[in-house]
Amino acid sequence: MKYTPVTLPEFELVLKAEKGWQKIESTKETIFVFPLSSRPHIIIKVYSSIGMNHKTCREKGADAIRVCAVNTQTNKGWISTRRVFRVEGWRNNLKNAVMDIYTQAQKRIK
């Protein structure tokens, strides 16, 4: 698999604000969050690996995109992190990881 640089605008095309995704700028990287409508204190987080003062991701091998779910009331992880490598097809891999975490969260809520 070949490393593919990922940019912030590309992320914003996948994790769209009009679909409910919010962009948060932390001290290390840009994070995207999506609150579950039935339990807004449970959020899906996508750690982009895009540094705060950059428009592109970190260097090859420096980090991967990570997807997880967090309970904001307890500040604890709710569903374990899944890694998405920055290779060709990363967009589909990211969508699949988000849907997997979302499905797990919905099952856990019931």
PDB file of N, CA and C in Angstrom:
ATOM      1  N   MET A   1       0.830  -1.184   0.000  1.00  0.00           N
ATOM      2  CA  MET A   1       0.000   0.000   0.000  1.00  0.00           C
ATOM      3  C   MET A   1       0.870   1.240   0.000  1.00  0.00           C
ATOM      4  N   LYS A   2       0.416   2.227  -0.712  1.00  0.00           N
ATOM      5  CA  LYS A   2       1.188   3.444  -0.878  1.00  0.00           C
ATOM      6  C   LYS A   2       0.649   4.560   0.019  1.00  0.00           C
ATOM      7  N   TYR A   3       1.554   5.203   0.744  1.00  0.00           N
ATOM      8  CA  TYR A   3       1.204   6.351   1.585  1.00  0.00           C
ATOM      9  C   TYR A   3       0.584   7.445   0.723  1.00  0.00           C
ATOM     10  N   THR A   4      -0.471   8.062   1.231  1.00  0.00           N
ATOM     11  CA  THR A   4      -1.153   9.148   0.536  1.00  0.00           C
ATOM     12  C   THR A   4      -1.305  10.325   1.487  1.00  0.00           C
ATOM     13  N   PRO A   5      -0.794  11.498   1.130  1.00  0.00           N
ATOM     14  CA  PRO A   5      -0.997  12.667   1.986  1.00  0.00           C
ATOM     15  C   PRO A   5      -2.488  13.018   2.046  1.00  0.00           C
ATOM     16  N   VAL A   6      -2.941  13.445   3.206  1.00  0.00           N
ATOM     17  CA  VAL A   6      -4.343  13.794   3.424  1.00  0.00           C
ATOM     18  C   VAL A   6      -4.404  15.257   3.853  1.00  0.00           C
ATOM     19  N   THR A   7      -5.329  15.998   3.264  1.00  0.00           N
ATOM     20  CA  THR A   7      -5.458  17.412   3.595  1.00  0.00           C
ATOM     21  C   THR A   7      -6.736  17.670   4.403  1.00  0.00           C
ATOM     22  N   LEU A   8      -6.768  18.794   5.077  1.00  0.00           N
ATOM     23  CA  LEU A   8      -7.937  19.185   5.860  1.00  0.00           C
ATOM     24  C   LEU A   8      -9.180  19.337   4.975  1.00  0.00           C
ATOM     25  N   PRO A   9      -9.081  19.992   3.808  1.00  0.00           N
ATOM     26  CA  PRO A   9     -10.271  20.079   2.948  1.00  0.00           C
ATOM     27  C   PRO A   9     -10.803  18.700   2.518  1.00  0.00           C
ATOM     28  N   GLU A  10      -9.916  17.730   2.332  1.00  0.00           N
ATOM     29  CA  GLU A  10     -10.372  16.378   1.988  1.00  0.00           C
ATOM     30  C   GLU A  10     -11.158  15.762   3.147  1.00  0.00           C
ATOM     31  N   PHE A  11     -10.681  15.974   4.366  1.00  0.00           N
ATOM     32  CA  PHE A  11     -11.394  15.494   5.542  1.00  0.00           C
ATOM     33  C   PHE A  11     -12.783  16.124   5.611  1.00  0.00           C
ATOM     34  N   GLU A  12     -12.838  17.415   5.357  1.00  0.00           N
ATOM     35  CA  GLU A  12     -14.102  18.133   5.442  1.00  0.00           C
ATOM     36  C   GLU A  12     -15.096  17.675   4.383  1.00  0.00           C
ATOM     37  N   LEU A  13     -14.609  17.102   3.282  1.00  0.00           N
ATOM     38  CA  LEU A  13     -15.502  16.541   2.274  1.00  0.00           C
ATOM     39  C   LEU A  13     -16.080  15.202   2.726  1.00  0.00           C
ATOM     40  N   VAL A  14     -15.338  14.471   3.535  1.00  0.00           N
ATOM     41  CA  VAL A  14     -15.805  13.171   4.033  1.00  0.00           C
ATOM     42  C   VAL A  14     -16.671  13.348   5.270  1.00  0.00           C
ATOM     43  N   LEU A  15     -16.212  14.167   6.206  1.00  0.00           N
ATOM     44  CA  LEU A  15     -16.922  14.396   7.474  1.00  0.00           C
ATOM     45  C   LEU A  15     -17.576  15.774   7.396  1.00  0.00           C
ATOM     46  N   LYS A  16     -18.708  15.832   6.741  1.00  0.00           N
ATOM     47  CA  LYS A  16     -19.354  17.095   6.392  1.00  0.00           C
ATOM     48  C   LYS A  16     -20.095  17.728   7.566  1.00  0.00           C
ATOM     49  N   ALA A  17     -19.933  19.043   7.687  1.00  0.00           N
ATOM     50  CA  ALA A  17     -20.612  19.800   8.743  1.00  0.00           C
ATOM     51  C   ALA A  17     -22.133  19.691   8.602  1.00  0.00           C
ATOM     52  N   GLU A  18     -22.631  19.701   7.378  1.00  0.00           N
ATOM     53  CA  GLU A  18     -24.083  19.621   7.186  1.00  0.00           C
ATOM     54  C   GLU A  18     -24.662  18.263   7.573  1.00  0.00           C
ATOM     55  N   LYS A  19     -23.808  17.271   7.766  1.00  0.00           N
ATOM     56  CA  LYS A  19     -24.245  15.953   8.241  1.00  0.00           C
ATOM     57  C   LYS A  19     -24.154  15.838   9.761  1.00  0.00           C
ATOM     58  N   GLY A  20     -23.650  16.899  10.411  1.00  0.00           N
ATOM     59  CA  GLY A  20     -23.577  16.905  11.869  1.00  0.00           C
ATOM     60  C   GLY A  20     -22.177  16.837  12.446  1.00  0.00           C
ATOM     61  N   TRP A  21     -21.154  16.757  11.600  1.00  0.00           N
ATOM     62  CA  TRP A  21     -19.775  16.706  12.084  1.00  0.00           C
ATOM     63  C   TRP A  21     -19.318  18.097  12.497  1.00  0.00           C
ATOM     64  N   GLN A  22     -18.611  18.160  13.609  1.00  0.00           N
ATOM     65  CA  GLN A  22     -18.056  19.420  14.104  1.00  0.00           C
ATOM     66  C   GLN A  22     -16.536  19.291  14.150  1.00  0.00           C
ATOM     67  N   LYS A  23     -15.870  20.350  13.775  1.00  0.00           N
ATOM     68  CA  LYS A  23     -14.407  20.365  13.790  1.00  0.00           C
ATOM     69  C   LYS A  23     -13.938  21.039  15.060  1.00  0.00           C
ATOM     70  N   ILE A  24     -13.031  20.362  15.777  1.00  0.00           N
ATOM     71  CA  ILE A  24     -12.455  20.898  17.005  1.00  0.00           C
ATOM     72  C   ILE A  24     -10.946  20.964  16.814  1.00  0.00           C
ATOM     73  N   GLU A  25     -10.378  22.068  17.188  1.00  0.00           N
ATOM     74  CA  GLU A  25      -8.932  22.208  17.092  1.00  0.00           C
ATOM     75  C   GLU A  25      -8.336  22.047  18.472  1.00  0.00           C
ATOM     76  N   SER A  26      -7.648  20.939  18.677  1.00  0.00           N
ATOM     77  CA  SER A  26      -6.990  20.697  19.961  1.00  0.00           C
ATOM     78  C   SER A  26      -5.567  21.229  19.876  1.00  0.00           C
ATOM     79  N   THR A  27      -4.789  20.988  20.904  1.00  0.00           N
ATOM     80  CA  THR A  27      -3.418  21.492  20.904  1.00  0.00           C
ATOM     81  C   THR A  27      -2.518  20.739  19.934  1.00  0.00           C
ATOM     82  N   LYS A  28      -2.879  19.501  19.583  1.00  0.00           N
ATOM     83  CA  LYS A  28      -2.007  18.701  18.732  1.00  0.00           C
ATOM     84  C   LYS A  28      -2.529  18.498  17.319  1.00  0.00           C
ATOM     85  N   GLU A  29      -3.851  18.342  17.170  1.00  0.00           N
ATOM     86  CA  GLU A  29      -4.378  18.021  15.854  1.00  0.00           C
ATOM     87  C   GLU A  29      -5.842  18.425  15.735  1.00  0.00           C
ATOM     88  N   THR A  30      -6.329  18.415  14.511  1.00  0.00           N
ATOM     89  CA  THR A  30      -7.738  18.692  14.263  1.00  0.00           C
ATOM     90  C   THR A  30      -8.534  17.419  14.521  1.00  0.00           C
ATOM     91  N   ILE A  31      -9.608  17.570  15.291  1.00  0.00           N
ATOM     92  CA  ILE A  31     -10.458  16.437  15.656  1.00  0.00           C
ATOM     93  C   ILE A  31     -11.864  16.727  15.147  1.00  0.00           C
ATOM     94  N   PHE A  32     -12.509  15.711  14.602  1.00  0.00           N
ATOM     95  CA  PHE A  32     -13.890  15.823  14.168  1.00  0.00           C
ATOM     96  C   PHE A  32     -14.752  15.021  15.127  1.00  0.00           C
ATOM     97  N   VAL A  33     -15.895  15.593  15.530  1.00  0.00           N
ATOM     98  CA  VAL A  33     -16.788  14.905  16.467  1.00  0.00           C
ATOM     99  C   VAL A  33     -18.200  14.863  15.907  1.00  0.00           C
ATOM    100  N   PHE A  34     -18.896  13.772  16.274  1.00  0.00           N
ATOM    101  CA  PHE A  34     -20.277  13.567  15.844  1.00  0.00           C
ATOM    102  C   PHE A  34     -21.066  13.035  17.027  1.00  0.00           C
ATOM    103  N   PRO A  35     -21.990  13.843  17.606  1.00  0.00           N
ATOM    104  CA  PRO A  35     -22.783  13.357  18.736  1.00  0.00           C
ATOM    105  C   PRO A  35     -23.907  12.443  18.235  1.00  0.00           C
ATOM    106  N   LEU A  36     -24.142  11.364  18.967  1.00  0.00           N
ATOM    107  CA  LEU A  36     -25.247  10.480  18.622  1.00  0.00           C
ATOM    108  C   LEU A  36     -26.551  11.173  18.998  1.00  0.00           C
ATOM    109  N   SER A  37     -27.513  11.192  18.113  1.00  0.00           N
ATOM    110  CA  SER A  37     -28.746  11.936  18.357  1.00  0.00           C
ATOM    111  C   SER A  37     -29.529  11.397  19.551  1.00  0.00           C
ATOM    112  N   SER A  38     -29.513  10.077  19.760  1.00  0.00           N
ATOM    113  CA  SER A  38     -30.275   9.509  20.874  1.00  0.00           C
ATOM    114  C   SER A  38     -29.556   9.664  22.214  1.00  0.00           C
ATOM    115  N   ARG A  39     -28.256   9.855  22.189  1.00  0.00           N
ATOM    116  CA  ARG A  39     -27.449  10.049  23.404  1.00  0.00           C
ATOM    117  C   ARG A  39     -26.353  11.070  23.079  1.00  0.00           C
ATOM    118  N   PRO A  40     -26.686  12.382  23.111  1.00  0.00           N
ATOM    119  CA  PRO A  40     -25.721  13.403  22.699  1.00  0.00           C
ATOM    120  C   PRO A  40     -24.430  13.428  23.506  1.00  0.00           C
ATOM    121  N   HIS A  41     -24.424  12.803  24.689  1.00  0.00           N
ATOM    122  CA  HIS A  41     -23.185  12.767  25.471  1.00  0.00           C
ATOM    123  C   HIS A  41     -22.228  11.676  24.967  1.00  0.00           C
ATOM    124  N   ILE A  42     -22.686  10.856  24.037  1.00  0.00           N
ATOM    125  CA  ILE A  42     -21.809   9.880  23.384  1.00  0.00           C
ATOM    126  C   ILE A  42     -21.428  10.465  22.035  1.00  0.00           C
ATOM    127  N   ILE A  43     -20.141  10.634  21.816  1.00  0.00           N
ATOM    128  CA  ILE A  43     -19.686  11.216  20.550  1.00  0.00           C
ATOM    129  C   ILE A  43     -18.706  10.281  19.856  1.00  0.00           C
ATOM    130  N   ILE A  44     -18.771  10.291  18.542  1.00  0.00           N
ATOM    131  CA  ILE A  44     -17.761   9.617  17.736  1.00  0.00           C
ATOM    132  C   ILE A  44     -16.690  10.658  17.475  1.00  0.00           C
ATOM    133  N   LYS A  45     -15.443  10.278  17.714  1.00  0.00           N
ATOM    134  CA  LYS A  45     -14.318  11.188  17.499  1.00  0.00           C
ATOM    135  C   LYS A  45     -13.427  10.630  16.399  1.00  0.00           C
ATOM    136  N   VAL A  46     -12.996  11.518  15.523  1.00  0.00           N
ATOM    137  CA  VAL A  46     -12.030  11.164  14.484  1.00  0.00           C
ATOM    138  C   VAL A  46     -10.825  12.071  14.666  1.00  0.00           C
ATOM    139  N   TYR A  47      -9.716  11.465  15.047  1.00  0.00           N
ATOM    140  CA  TYR A  47      -8.449  12.190  15.188  1.00  0.00           C
ATOM    141  C   TYR A  47      -7.781  12.192  13.825  1.00  0.00           C
ATOM    142  N   SER A  48      -7.634  13.358  13.229  1.00  0.00           N
ATOM    143  CA  SER A  48      -7.249  13.474  11.821  1.00  0.00           C
ATOM    144  C   SER A  48      -5.775  13.264  11.522  1.00  0.00           C
ATOM    145  N   SER A  49      -4.914  13.448  12.475  1.00  0.00           N
ATOM    146  CA  SER A  49      -3.458  13.477  12.299  1.00  0.00           C
ATOM    147  C   SER A  49      -3.001  14.713  11.524  1.00  0.00           C
ATOM    148  N   ILE A  50      -3.888  15.709  11.407  1.00  0.00           N
ATOM    149  CA  ILE A  50      -3.528  16.971  10.770  1.00  0.00           C
ATOM    150  C   ILE A  50      -3.209  17.965  11.879  1.00  0.00           C
ATOM    151  N   GLY A  51      -1.966  18.404  11.936  1.00  0.00           N
ATOM    152  CA  GLY A  51      -1.511  19.322  12.976  1.00  0.00           C
ATOM    153  C   GLY A  51      -2.241  20.648  12.928  1.00  0.00           C
ATOM    154  N   MET A  52      -2.247  21.336  14.042  1.00  0.00           N
ATOM    155  CA  MET A  52      -2.997  22.571  14.182  1.00  0.00           C
ATOM    156  C   MET A  52      -2.589  23.668  13.204  1.00  0.00           C
ATOM    157  N   ASN A  53      -1.328  23.827  12.949  1.00  0.00           N
ATOM    158  CA  ASN A  53      -0.868  24.901  12.074  1.00  0.00           C
ATOM    159  C   ASN A  53      -0.562  24.405  10.670  1.00  0.00           C
ATOM    160  N   HIS A  54      -1.145  23.274  10.317  1.00  0.00           N
ATOM    161  CA  HIS A  54      -0.883  22.688   9.011  1.00  0.00           C
ATOM    162  C   HIS A  54      -2.194  22.410   8.304  1.00  0.00           C
ATOM    163  N   LYS A  55      -2.119  22.268   7.028  1.00  0.00           N
ATOM    164  CA  LYS A  55      -3.301  21.914   6.242  1.00  0.00           C
ATOM    165  C   LYS A  55      -3.210  20.469   5.753  1.00  0.00           C
ATOM    166  N   THR A  56      -2.098  19.807   6.060  1.00  0.00           N
ATOM    167  CA  THR A  56      -1.936  18.415   5.659  1.00  0.00           C
ATOM    168  C   THR A  56      -1.559  17.576   6.876  1.00  0.00           C
ATOM    169  N   CYS A  57      -1.653  16.275   6.719  1.00  0.00           N
ATOM    170  CA  CYS A  57      -1.378  15.353   7.820  1.00  0.00           C
ATOM    171  C   CYS A  57       0.110  15.291   8.149  1.00  0.00           C
ATOM    172  N   ARG A  58       0.395  14.611   9.234  1.00  0.00           N
ATOM    173  CA  ARG A  58       1.786  14.432   9.642  1.00  0.00           C
ATOM    174  C   ARG A  58       2.532  13.595   8.620  1.00  0.00           C
ATOM    175  N   GLU A  59       3.816  13.533   8.789  1.00  0.00           N
ATOM    176  CA  GLU A  59       4.664  12.784   7.867  1.00  0.00           C
ATOM    177  C   GLU A  59       4.306  11.303   7.852  1.00  0.00           C
ATOM    178  N   LYS A  60       4.721  10.644   6.807  1.00  0.00           N
ATOM    179  CA  LYS A  60       4.501   9.203   6.644  1.00  0.00           C
ATOM    180  C   LYS A  60       5.002   8.455   7.878  1.00  0.00           C
ATOM    181  N   GLY A  61       4.136   7.614   8.410  1.00  0.00           N
ATOM    182  CA  GLY A  61       4.498   6.779   9.555  1.00  0.00           C
ATOM    183  C   GLY A  61       4.443   7.477  10.895  1.00  0.00           C
ATOM    184  N   ALA A  62       4.196   8.786  10.903  1.00  0.00           N
ATOM    185  CA  ALA A  62       4.184   9.518  12.172  1.00  0.00           C
ATOM    186  C   ALA A  62       2.921   9.250  12.986  1.00  0.00           C
ATOM    187  N   ASP A  63       1.821   8.950  12.316  1.00  0.00           N
ATOM    188  CA  ASP A  63       0.562   8.740  13.018  1.00  0.00           C
ATOM    189  C   ASP A  63      -0.475   8.242  12.025  1.00  0.00           C
ATOM    190  N   ALA A  64      -1.535   7.651  12.529  1.00  0.00           N
ATOM    191  CA  ALA A  64      -2.653   7.219  11.696  1.00  0.00           C
ATOM    192  C   ALA A  64      -3.890   8.002  12.096  1.00  0.00           C
ATOM    193  N   ILE A  65      -4.897   7.961  11.252  1.00  0.00           N
ATOM    194  CA  ILE A  65      -6.201   8.512  11.596  1.00  0.00           C
ATOM    195  C   ILE A  65      -6.812   7.533  12.595  1.00  0.00           C
ATOM    196  N   ARG A  66      -7.449   8.052  13.646  1.00  0.00           N
ATOM    197  CA  ARG A  66      -8.048   7.170  14.660  1.00  0.00           C
ATOM    198  C   ARG A  66      -9.509   7.529  14.854  1.00  0.00           C
ATOM    199  N   VAL A  67     -10.338   6.494  15.030  1.00  0.00           N
ATOM    200  CA  VAL A  67     -11.777   6.670  15.217  1.00  0.00           C
ATOM    201  C   VAL A  67     -12.185   5.940  16.493  1.00  0.00           C
ATOM    202  N   CYS A  68     -12.975   6.593  17.349  1.00  0.00           N
ATOM    203  CA  CYS A  68     -13.441   5.966  18.586  1.00  0.00           C
ATOM    204  C   CYS A  68     -14.740   6.627  19.025  1.00  0.00           C
ATOM    205  N   ALA A  69     -15.311   6.127  20.106  1.00  0.00           N
ATOM    206  CA  ALA A  69     -16.480   6.776  20.716  1.00  0.00           C
ATOM    207  C   ALA A  69     -16.144   7.079  22.168  1.00  0.00           C
ATOM    208  N   VAL A  70     -16.620   8.225  22.652  1.00  0.00           N
ATOM    209  CA  VAL A  70     -16.300   8.699  23.990  1.00  0.00           C
ATOM    210  C   VAL A  70     -17.584   9.135  24.694  1.00  0.00           C
ATOM    211  N   ASN A  71     -17.645   8.875  25.991  1.00  0.00           N
ATOM    212  CA  ASN A  71     -18.737   9.367  26.828  1.00  0.00           C
ATOM    213  C   ASN A  71     -18.258  10.685  27.434  1.00  0.00           C
ATOM    214  N   THR A  72     -18.875  11.793  27.047  1.00  0.00           N
ATOM    215  CA  THR A  72     -18.419  13.101  27.520  1.00  0.00           C
ATOM    216  C   THR A  72     -18.839  13.391  28.964  1.00  0.00           C
ATOM    217  N   GLN A  73     -19.810  12.645  29.482  1.00  0.00           N
ATOM    218  CA  GLN A  73     -20.209  12.836  30.881  1.00  0.00           C
ATOM    219  C   GLN A  73     -19.169  12.266  31.839  1.00  0.00           C
ATOM    220  N   THR A  74     -18.557  11.159  31.442  1.00  0.00           N
ATOM    221  CA  THR A  74     -17.560  10.525  32.305  1.00  0.00           C
ATOM    222  C   THR A  74     -16.131  10.795  31.839  1.00  0.00           C
ATOM    223  N   ASN A  75     -15.994  11.400  30.654  1.00  0.00           N
ATOM    224  CA  ASN A  75     -14.676  11.624  30.034  1.00  0.00           C
ATOM    225  C   ASN A  75     -13.892  10.333  29.882  1.00  0.00           C
ATOM    226  N   LYS A  76     -14.592   9.269  29.537  1.00  0.00           N
ATOM    227  CA  LYS A  76     -13.938   7.974  29.326  1.00  0.00           C
ATOM    228  C   LYS A  76     -14.273   7.453  27.942  1.00  0.00           C
ATOM    229  N   GLY A  77     -13.345   6.636  27.447  1.00  0.00           N
ATOM    230  CA  GLY A  77     -13.593   5.969  26.183  1.00  0.00           C
ATOM    231  C   GLY A  77     -14.798   5.062  26.298  1.00  0.00           C
ATOM    232  N   TRP A  78     -15.558   4.963  25.216  1.00  0.00           N
ATOM    233  CA  TRP A  78     -16.771   4.161  25.229  1.00  0.00           C
ATOM    234  C   TRP A  78     -16.666   2.998  24.252  1.00  0.00           C
ATOM    235  N   ILE A  79     -16.004   3.229  23.124  1.00  0.00           N
ATOM    236  CA  ILE A  79     -15.717   2.174  22.149  1.00  0.00           C
ATOM    237  C   ILE A  79     -14.277   2.373  21.697  1.00  0.00           C
ATOM    238  N   SER A  80     -13.543   1.283  21.697  1.00  0.00           N
ATOM    239  CA  SER A  80     -12.107   1.319  21.406  1.00  0.00           C
ATOM    240  C   SER A  80     -11.775   1.957  20.066  1.00  0.00           C
ATOM    241  N   THR A  81     -10.581   2.477  20.017  1.00  0.00           N
ATOM    242  CA  THR A  81     -10.073   3.151  18.831  1.00  0.00           C
ATOM    243  C   THR A  81      -9.829   2.170  17.695  1.00  0.00           C
ATOM    244  N   ARG A  82     -10.167   2.632  16.519  1.00  0.00           N
ATOM    245  CA  ARG A  82      -9.868   1.891  15.295  1.00  0.00           C
ATOM    246  C   ARG A  82      -8.965   2.769  14.432  1.00  0.00           C
ATOM    247  N   ARG A  83      -7.895   2.188  13.917  1.00  0.00           N
ATOM    248  CA  ARG A  83      -6.944   2.952  13.107  1.00  0.00           C
ATOM    249  C   ARG A  83      -7.316   2.908  11.634  1.00  0.00           C
ATOM    250  N   VAL A  84      -7.074   4.024  10.965  1.00  0.00           N
ATOM    251  CA  VAL A  84      -7.255   4.130   9.524  1.00  0.00           C
ATOM    252  C   VAL A  84      -5.931   4.633   8.969  1.00  0.00           C
ATOM    253  N   PHE A  85      -5.308   3.841   8.132  1.00  0.00           N
ATOM    254  CA  PHE A  85      -4.012   4.224   7.578  1.00  0.00           C
ATOM    255  C   PHE A  85      -4.200   5.172   6.396  1.00  0.00           C
ATOM    256  N   ARG A  86      -3.244   6.091   6.256  1.00  0.00           N
ATOM    257  CA  ARG A  86      -3.296   7.083   5.191  1.00  0.00           C
ATOM    258  C   ARG A  86      -2.665   6.511   3.932  1.00  0.00           C
ATOM    259  N   VAL A  87      -3.440   5.661   3.302  1.00  0.00           N
ATOM    260  CA  VAL A  87      -3.032   5.020   2.061  1.00  0.00           C
ATOM    261  C   VAL A  87      -4.144   5.229   1.038  1.00  0.00           C
ATOM    262  N   GLU A  88      -3.888   4.822  -0.206  1.00  0.00           N
ATOM    263  CA  GLU A  88      -4.935   4.927  -1.215  1.00  0.00           C
ATOM    264  C   GLU A  88      -6.188   4.246  -0.676  1.00  0.00           C
ATOM    265  N   GLY A  89      -7.320   4.860  -0.876  1.00  0.00           N
ATOM    266  CA  GLY A  89      -8.569   4.307  -0.369  1.00  0.00           C
ATOM    267  C   GLY A  89      -8.875   4.723   1.058  1.00  0.00           C
ATOM    268  N   TRP A  90      -8.118   5.668   1.611  1.00  0.00           N
ATOM    269  CA  TRP A  90      -8.325   6.076   3.006  1.00  0.00           C
ATOM    270  C   TRP A  90      -9.730   6.612   3.235  1.00  0.00           C
ATOM    271  N   ARG A  91     -10.312   7.274   2.229  1.00  0.00           N
ATOM    272  CA  ARG A  91     -11.660   7.836   2.407  1.00  0.00           C
ATOM    273  C   ARG A  91     -12.676   6.727   2.693  1.00  0.00           C
ATOM    274  N   ASN A  92     -12.654   5.685   1.875  1.00  0.00           N
ATOM    275  CA  ASN A  92     -13.573   4.562   2.102  1.00  0.00           C
ATOM    276  C   ASN A  92     -13.259   3.859   3.413  1.00  0.00           C
ATOM    277  N   ASN A  93     -11.983   3.707   3.718  1.00  0.00           N
ATOM    278  CA  ASN A  93     -11.598   3.068   4.983  1.00  0.00           C
ATOM    279  C   ASN A  93     -12.082   3.893   6.174  1.00  0.00           C
ATOM    280  N   LEU A  94     -12.012   5.220   6.055  1.00  0.00           N
ATOM    281  CA  LEU A  94     -12.495   6.090   7.124  1.00  0.00           C
ATOM    282  C   LEU A  94     -14.009   5.964   7.275  1.00  0.00           C
ATOM    283  N   LYS A  95     -14.714   6.002   6.172  1.00  0.00           N
ATOM    284  CA  LYS A  95     -16.175   5.853   6.222  1.00  0.00           C
ATOM    285  C   LYS A  95     -16.556   4.522   6.868  1.00  0.00           C
ATOM    286  N   ASN A  96     -15.862   3.454   6.496  1.00  0.00           N
ATOM    287  CA  ASN A  96     -16.142   2.131   7.070  1.00  0.00           C
ATOM    288  C   ASN A  96     -15.856   2.106   8.573  1.00  0.00           C
ATOM    289  N   ALA A  97     -14.768   2.729   8.983  1.00  0.00           N
ATOM    290  CA  ALA A  97     -14.420   2.761  10.410  1.00  0.00           C
ATOM    291  C   ALA A  97     -15.464   3.551  11.200  1.00  0.00           C
ATOM    292  N   VAL A  98     -15.888   4.688  10.659  1.00  0.00           N
ATOM    293  CA  VAL A  98     -16.904   5.499  11.329  1.00  0.00           C
ATOM    294  C   VAL A  98     -18.211   4.709  11.436  1.00  0.00           C
ATOM    295  N   MET A  99     -18.613   4.063  10.357  1.00  0.00           N
ATOM    296  CA  MET A  99     -19.863   3.287  10.386  1.00  0.00           C
ATOM    297  C   MET A  99     -19.759   2.115  11.353  1.00  0.00           C
ATOM    298  N   ASP A 100     -18.596   1.503  11.449  1.00  0.00           N
ATOM    299  CA  ASP A 100     -18.397   0.405  12.391  1.00  0.00           C
ATOM    300  C   ASP A 100     -18.554   0.902  13.830  1.00  0.00           C
ATOM    301  N   ILE A 101     -17.915   2.014  14.162  1.00  0.00           N
ATOM    302  CA  ILE A 101     -18.022   2.581  15.508  1.00  0.00           C
ATOM    303  C   ILE A 101     -19.461   3.013  15.778  1.00  0.00           C
ATOM    304  N   TYR A 102     -20.116   3.627  14.802  1.00  0.00           N
ATOM    305  CA  TYR A 102     -21.503   4.063  14.938  1.00  0.00           C
ATOM    306  C   TYR A 102     -22.418   2.864  15.211  1.00  0.00           C
ATOM    307  N   THR A 103     -22.236   1.791  14.449  1.00  0.00           N
ATOM    308  CA  THR A 103     -23.050   0.580  14.628  1.00  0.00           C
ATOM    309  C   THR A 103     -22.834  -0.025  16.005  1.00  0.00           C
ATOM    310  N   GLN A 104     -21.577  -0.108  16.437  1.00  0.00           N
ATOM    311  CA  GLN A 104     -21.284  -0.617  17.770  1.00  0.00           C
ATOM    312  C   GLN A 104     -21.950   0.236  18.857  1.00  0.00           C
ATOM    313  N   ALA A 105     -21.908   1.555  18.656  1.00  0.00           N
ATOM    314  CA  ALA A 105     -22.511   2.462  19.638  1.00  0.00           C
ATOM    315  C   ALA A 105     -24.018   2.274  19.688  1.00  0.00           C
ATOM    316  N   GLN A 106     -24.662   2.146  18.541  1.00  0.00           N
ATOM    317  CA  GLN A 106     -26.117   1.948  18.513  1.00  0.00           C
ATOM    318  C   GLN A 106     -26.505   0.646  19.195  1.00  0.00           C
ATOM    319  N   LYS A 107     -25.740  -0.409  18.972  1.00  0.00           N
ATOM    320  CA  LYS A 107     -26.020  -1.688  19.624  1.00  0.00           C
ATOM    321  C   LYS A 107     -25.840  -1.580  21.136  1.00  0.00           C
ATOM    322  N   ARG A 108     -24.841  -0.865  21.550  1.00  0.00           N
ATOM    323  CA  ARG A 108     -24.563  -0.732  22.982  1.00  0.00           C
ATOM    324  C   ARG A 108     -25.637   0.115  23.683  1.00  0.00           C
ATOM    325  N   ILE A 109     -26.217   1.068  22.979  1.00  0.00           N
ATOM    326  CA  ILE A 109     -27.255   1.924  23.549  1.00  0.00           C
ATOM    327  C   ILE A 109     -28.518   1.119  23.844  1.00  0.00           C
ATOM    328  N   LYS A 110     -28.851   0.180  22.984  1.00  0.00           N
ATOM    329  CA  LYS A 110     -30.113  -0.580  23.115  1.00  0.00           C
ATOM    330  C   LYS A 110     -30.124  -1.463  24.301  1.00  0.00           C
TER     331      LYS A 110
END
